[in-house]
Protein backbone atom coordinates (compact mmCIF):
# COMPACT_ATOMS: atom_id res chain seq x y z
CA MET A 1 29.09 -5.03 -12.31
CA ASN A 2 26.25 -5.45 -14.82
CA TYR A 3 23.24 -4.67 -12.68
CA LYS A 4 19.93 -5.98 -14.02
CA LEU A 5 17.35 -4.06 -11.98
CA LEU A 6 17.02 -0.53 -10.59
CA ALA A 7 14.39 0.21 -7.93
CA LEU A 8 13.48 3.88 -7.60
CA ASP A 9 11.64 5.55 -4.76
CA MET A 10 9.26 8.28 -5.92
CA ASP A 11 8.83 11.18 -3.49
CA GLY A 12 12.13 12.79 -2.57
CA THR A 13 13.98 10.63 -5.09
CA VAL A 14 12.84 10.42 -8.72
CA LEU A 15 10.42 13.32 -8.10
CA ASN A 16 11.82 16.77 -7.37
CA SER A 17 10.39 19.06 -4.70
CA GLN A 18 7.67 20.14 -7.15
CA LYS A 19 6.63 16.49 -7.58
CA LYS A 20 7.88 16.47 -11.17
CA ILE A 21 10.33 14.24 -13.07
CA SER A 22 13.06 16.32 -14.69
CA PRO A 23 13.83 15.83 -18.41
CA ARG A 24 17.36 14.60 -17.58
CA THR A 25 16.08 12.00 -15.12
CA LYS A 26 13.34 10.86 -17.48
CA LEU A 27 15.85 10.41 -20.31
CA ALA A 28 18.28 8.49 -18.09
CA ILE A 29 15.50 6.07 -17.10
CA GLU A 30 14.33 5.64 -20.70
CA ASN A 31 17.86 4.88 -21.89
CA LEU A 32 18.33 2.30 -19.16
CA LEU A 33 15.07 0.57 -20.09
CA LYS A 34 16.12 0.48 -23.74
CA ARG A 35 19.30 -1.33 -22.67
CA GLY A 36 17.19 -4.10 -21.13
CA VAL A 37 17.62 -3.14 -17.49
CA TYR A 38 14.46 -3.47 -15.38
CA VAL A 39 13.59 -0.09 -13.86
CA VAL A 40 10.81 -0.33 -11.28
CA VAL A 41 9.10 2.13 -8.99
CA SER A 42 9.50 1.35 -5.30
CA THR A 43 6.99 3.56 -3.58
CA GLY A 44 4.65 3.98 -0.67
CA ARG A 45 2.08 5.33 -3.11
CA GLY A 46 -0.87 3.31 -4.32
CA LEU A 47 -1.73 2.68 -7.97
CA VAL A 48 -4.17 5.57 -8.25
CA GLU A 49 -1.51 7.89 -6.84
CA LEU A 50 0.74 6.99 -9.78
CA ASN A 51 -1.77 8.01 -12.45
CA ASP A 52 -0.10 11.36 -13.17
CA TYR A 53 3.19 9.57 -13.91
CA ARG A 54 1.99 6.67 -16.04
CA GLU A 55 3.04 8.43 -19.25
CA ASP A 56 6.51 9.12 -17.85
CA PHE A 57 6.87 5.46 -16.85
CA LYS A 58 5.04 3.86 -19.77
CA ALA A 59 8.01 1.60 -20.60
CA MET A 60 8.27 0.43 -16.99
CA ASN A 61 6.91 -3.11 -16.62
CA TYR A 62 6.75 -3.66 -12.84
CA GLY A 63 6.18 -1.81 -9.60
CA ILE A 64 6.84 -2.40 -5.90
CA VAL A 65 3.83 -0.40 -4.75
CA ILE A 66 2.23 0.49 -1.41
CA SER A 67 5.54 -0.07 0.43
CA GLY A 68 5.84 -3.67 -0.76
CA GLY A 69 2.21 -4.54 -0.04
CA LEU A 70 1.54 -4.84 -3.76
CA LEU A 71 3.68 -6.16 -6.60
CA TYR A 72 2.16 -5.01 -9.86
CA ASP A 73 2.54 -5.76 -13.56
CA PHE A 74 1.78 -2.48 -15.35
CA PHE A 75 1.78 -4.05 -18.82
CA LYS A 76 -0.83 -6.64 -17.85
CA ASP A 77 -2.53 -4.18 -15.47
CA ALA A 78 -2.73 -6.92 -12.87
CA PRO A 79 -1.37 -7.69 -9.39
CA ILE A 80 1.45 -10.20 -9.00
CA LYS A 81 1.23 -10.32 -5.21
CA ILE A 82 -1.04 -8.66 -2.61
CA HIS A 83 -0.43 -8.42 1.16
CA ALA A 84 -3.44 -7.05 3.07
CA VAL A 85 -3.65 -5.82 6.68
CA ASP A 86 -6.09 -7.81 8.83
CA GLU A 87 -9.41 -6.16 9.68
CA GLU A 88 -9.07 -6.15 13.46
CA THR A 89 -5.74 -4.36 13.26
CA ILE A 90 -7.04 -1.75 10.81
CA LEU A 91 -9.93 -0.94 13.13
CA LYS A 92 -7.46 -0.34 15.99
CA LEU A 93 -5.38 1.96 13.79
CA ILE A 94 -8.49 3.93 12.87
CA ASP A 95 -9.33 4.37 16.56
CA PHE A 96 -5.81 5.58 17.31
CA GLY A 97 -5.95 8.01 14.42
CA LEU A 98 -9.34 9.50 15.22
CA GLU A 99 -8.49 9.80 18.91
CA THR A 100 -5.41 11.93 18.09
CA GLN A 101 -7.22 13.95 15.38
CA ALA A 102 -4.97 12.46 12.71
CA MET A 103 -5.93 11.98 9.08
CA VAL A 104 -6.74 8.33 8.44
CA HIS A 105 -5.77 7.30 4.92
CA MET A 106 -6.13 3.77 3.54
CA LEU A 107 -4.77 2.23 0.37
CA SER A 108 -6.23 -0.83 -1.34
CA VAL A 109 -5.13 -2.25 -4.68
CA ASN A 110 -7.22 0.21 -6.69
CA GLN A 111 -8.43 2.83 -4.22
CA SER A 112 -7.18 5.63 -2.00
CA VAL A 113 -9.61 6.35 0.84
CA ALA A 114 -9.92 9.26 3.27
CA ARG A 115 -12.46 11.53 4.95
CA GLU A 116 -13.55 14.65 3.08
CA VAL A 117 -12.86 16.92 6.07
CA ASP A 118 -9.25 15.72 6.20
CA ILE A 119 -8.65 16.03 2.46
CA GLN A 120 -9.74 19.66 2.58
CA ASN A 121 -7.45 20.34 5.55
CA MET A 122 -4.26 18.54 4.50
CA SER A 123 -1.99 21.48 5.27
CA ALA A 124 -2.77 20.90 8.96
CA PHE A 125 -1.01 17.52 8.64
CA GLY A 126 2.02 18.89 6.76
CA MET A 127 0.66 17.37 3.55
CA GLY A 128 -0.55 20.44 1.69
CA ILE A 129 1.50 19.69 -1.43
CA TYR A 130 -0.55 16.50 -1.92
CA HIS A 131 -3.96 18.18 -1.64
CA ASP A 132 -4.68 18.40 -5.37
CA MET A 133 -3.80 14.75 -5.92
CA PHE A 134 -5.85 13.51 -2.95
CA ASN A 135 -8.76 15.76 -3.92
CA LYS A 136 -8.72 14.23 -7.40
CA ILE A 137 -8.22 10.53 -6.68
CA CYS A 138 -9.51 9.76 -3.18
CA ILE A 139 -12.68 7.85 -2.44
CA ARG A 140 -14.50 9.85 0.25
CA CYS A 141 -15.62 7.86 3.27
CA ASP A 142 -16.57 9.70 6.45
CA ASP A 143 -16.80 6.37 8.30
CA PRO A 144 -13.48 4.56 7.63
CA LYS A 145 -14.56 1.56 9.73
CA LYS A 146 -17.56 1.08 7.49
CA TYR A 147 -15.27 1.04 4.44
CA VAL A 148 -13.08 -1.64 6.02
CA ARG A 149 -16.05 -3.86 6.82
CA GLU A 150 -17.48 -3.43 3.32
CA HIS A 151 -14.11 -4.22 1.67
CA PRO A 152 -12.74 -7.20 3.61
CA GLY A 153 -9.18 -8.21 2.79
CA GLU A 154 -8.60 -5.23 0.50
CA VAL A 155 -6.69 -2.65 2.60
CA VAL A 156 -2.96 -3.04 2.02
CA LYS A 157 -1.67 -0.05 3.99
CA VAL A 158 -2.91 2.48 6.53
CA ASN A 159 -1.38 5.95 6.83
CA LEU A 160 -1.92 8.17 9.84
CA TYR A 161 -1.02 11.79 9.09
CA HIS A 162 -0.58 13.57 12.41
CA ARG A 163 -0.74 17.24 13.31
CA ASP A 164 2.45 17.20 15.37
CA LYS A 165 5.31 15.07 16.67
CA ILE A 166 3.69 14.52 20.08
CA SER A 167 0.60 12.80 18.65
CA ARG A 168 2.69 10.84 16.16
CA ASP A 169 5.01 9.55 18.90
CA LYS A 170 2.04 8.63 21.07
CA ASN A 171 0.58 6.52 18.29
CA PHE A 172 3.94 5.02 17.39
CA GLU A 173 4.27 3.69 20.94
CA ARG A 174 0.82 2.07 20.76
CA ILE A 175 1.16 0.77 17.22
CA SER A 176 4.60 -0.73 17.87
CA LYS A 177 2.85 -3.30 20.09
CA LEU A 178 0.88 -4.57 17.10
CA ASN A 179 2.17 -7.05 14.52
CA LEU A 180 2.96 -4.53 11.79
CA SER A 181 5.73 -2.97 9.75
CA ILE A 182 5.89 0.74 10.64
CA SER A 183 7.70 3.53 8.80
CA TYR A 184 8.01 7.27 9.19
CA ALA A 185 7.32 9.35 6.10
CA GLU A 186 6.60 12.96 5.19
CA ALA A 187 6.13 15.37 8.13
CA PHE A 188 4.39 13.45 10.93
CA ASN A 189 3.19 10.39 9.05
CA LEU A 190 3.18 6.77 10.17
CA GLU A 191 2.80 4.10 7.48
CA MET A 192 1.52 0.70 8.57
CA SER A 193 1.81 -2.47 6.49
CA PRO A 194 1.51 -6.15 7.43
CA ALA A 195 4.38 -7.53 9.51
CA ASN A 196 7.60 -8.04 7.52
CA ILE A 197 6.13 -6.36 4.45
CA THR A 198 8.44 -3.59 3.25
CA LYS A 199 9.96 -2.32 0.04
CA GLY A 200 12.80 -4.71 0.82
CA SER A 201 10.53 -7.75 0.96
CA GLY A 202 8.90 -6.51 -2.26
CA LEU A 203 12.29 -6.42 -3.98
CA ILE A 204 13.00 -10.00 -2.90
CA GLU A 205 9.61 -11.16 -4.21
CA LEU A 206 10.07 -9.33 -7.50
CA CYS A 207 13.57 -10.75 -7.99
CA ASP A 208 12.22 -14.23 -7.32
CA PHE A 209 9.45 -13.61 -9.88
CA LEU A 210 11.92 -12.34 -12.50
CA LYS A 211 14.61 -14.92 -11.66
CA ILE A 212 17.15 -12.19 -10.85
CA ASP A 213 19.84 -12.50 -8.18
CA ILE A 214 19.36 -9.88 -5.46
CA ALA A 215 23.05 -9.00 -5.83
CA ASP A 216 22.27 -7.74 -9.34
CA THR A 217 19.97 -4.97 -8.09
CA VAL A 218 20.33 -1.30 -7.23
CA ALA A 219 17.98 0.70 -5.01
CA ILE A 220 17.81 4.49 -4.63
CA GLY A 221 15.89 6.19 -1.83
CA ASP A 222 15.79 8.98 0.71
CA ALA A 223 13.47 8.18 3.60
CA ASP A 224 12.72 5.83 6.47
CA ASN A 225 10.49 3.60 4.35
CA ASP A 226 13.45 3.01 2.00
CA LYS A 227 15.62 1.56 4.76
CA GLU A 228 14.85 -2.11 4.15
CA ILE A 229 15.22 -1.98 0.38
CA LEU A 230 18.58 -0.23 0.70
CA GLN A 231 19.68 -2.95 3.12
CA THR A 232 18.45 -5.64 0.71
CA ALA A 233 19.67 -4.47 -2.71
CA GLY A 234 23.05 -5.39 -4.14
CA LEU A 235 23.95 -1.68 -4.28
CA ALA A 236 22.36 1.01 -2.11
CA VAL A 237 22.26 4.66 -3.14
CA ALA A 238 21.01 7.50 -0.93
CA MET A 239 19.81 10.81 -2.28
CA GLY A 240 21.65 13.96 -1.25
CA ASN A 241 18.45 15.09 0.49
CA ALA A 242 18.17 11.82 2.46
CA SER A 243 18.31 11.67 6.22
CA ASP A 244 21.66 10.97 7.87
CA GLU A 245 20.41 7.54 8.94
CA ILE A 246 19.61 6.60 5.33
CA LYS A 247 22.93 7.95 4.08
CA LYS A 248 24.76 5.68 6.54
CA LEU A 249 23.10 2.64 4.91
CA ALA A 250 24.21 3.59 1.40
CA ASP A 251 27.20 2.49 -0.62
CA PHE A 252 27.33 6.03 -1.92
CA VAL A 253 25.34 9.27 -1.85
CA THR A 254 24.23 10.94 -5.06
CA LEU A 255 22.99 14.51 -5.63
CA ASP A 256 19.67 15.69 -4.19
CA ASN A 257 16.30 15.33 -5.91
CA ASP A 258 16.36 18.91 -7.20
CA SER A 259 19.78 18.33 -8.80
CA ASP A 260 18.96 15.22 -10.86
CA GLY A 261 20.40 12.86 -8.26
CA VAL A 262 18.78 9.81 -9.87
CA ALA A 263 20.17 10.65 -13.31
CA ALA A 264 23.63 11.24 -11.83
CA ALA A 265 23.50 7.84 -10.07
CA ILE A 266 22.37 6.05 -13.24
CA GLU A 267 25.19 7.65 -15.23
CA LYS A 268 27.72 6.58 -12.60
CA ILE A 269 26.51 3.00 -12.00
CA PHE A 270 25.28 1.85 -15.39
C-alpha cells in the first residue's frame, strides 16, 4: 500500500516523555517528506503551543490543530478551516470550571489564554511539565468571560484541567448534556470542541482539501482524543504507551514514545 499521508499526534506520540523529538524520529519524518508523503501534525495543541517545534517540522505543510478545530497551512501561515465554540456554551464551561476550582484554558487560532494564578500552580492540575510553555506563551486573563465577550467567534477549544478525578467526572456529566465533542487528555483534563469536531473530522477535511482518498492515510496516536482519527484513517497505529482502549482500535501497536515508536512505525509502513 502506497500511503500518501501520515497524521502524527504530538504529546505521547512524536514527543517523548521529555517533550522532545528524538533524532531518529526527526530523520524518519524528514525522509518521508522528501519522498513526497504528506506528514501532518494532529494535535490538541494550538498554534502558539507548537512554536518550539516549528524548526523540527519546517518541511511540514499542514496541520490538524486544536483537535480538529483548526486546519492550518504552515507554509502560507494561514487557516484553511476554523470551527469555533459558541459563546453561550463557553460561558457555561467557564462556570463549571471555576465552580470546581479547575484551570480554565482556552485556545483561539493565535492565542492560548489562562489565568495567571492557574499558570503558576499547574502542578496542582497534573500539568507541571507544561508550566514553562504556558508561562511563556499564554495570554493572561483573570476574567475568562471577559475575554470571550471581547473575542467573539474566536475560541476554538476549551480545556478544563481538574485537580482530581471526582471533579473531572462531575463536570463530564454536566458537559455531556451540551452539544460538544469531549475528550479526556493528560491527568484530569477535559477537552471541549464544537459538536462532531475531532481529529478524525479534521483528517477528512484535510483529505478533501488535498484530494486524497481517506484509505491512503495513516494515523498514529496514544490517547482518548486520538480515537476518532484512528477510526477514520486507512491504517491506525497505536503507540506502545497508549491506553488499552486505543490499542484495541489499532491495526497494530508500535513501540512507546521513549523508544522511537513513530520512527519504528514509519520504517515498517512506508
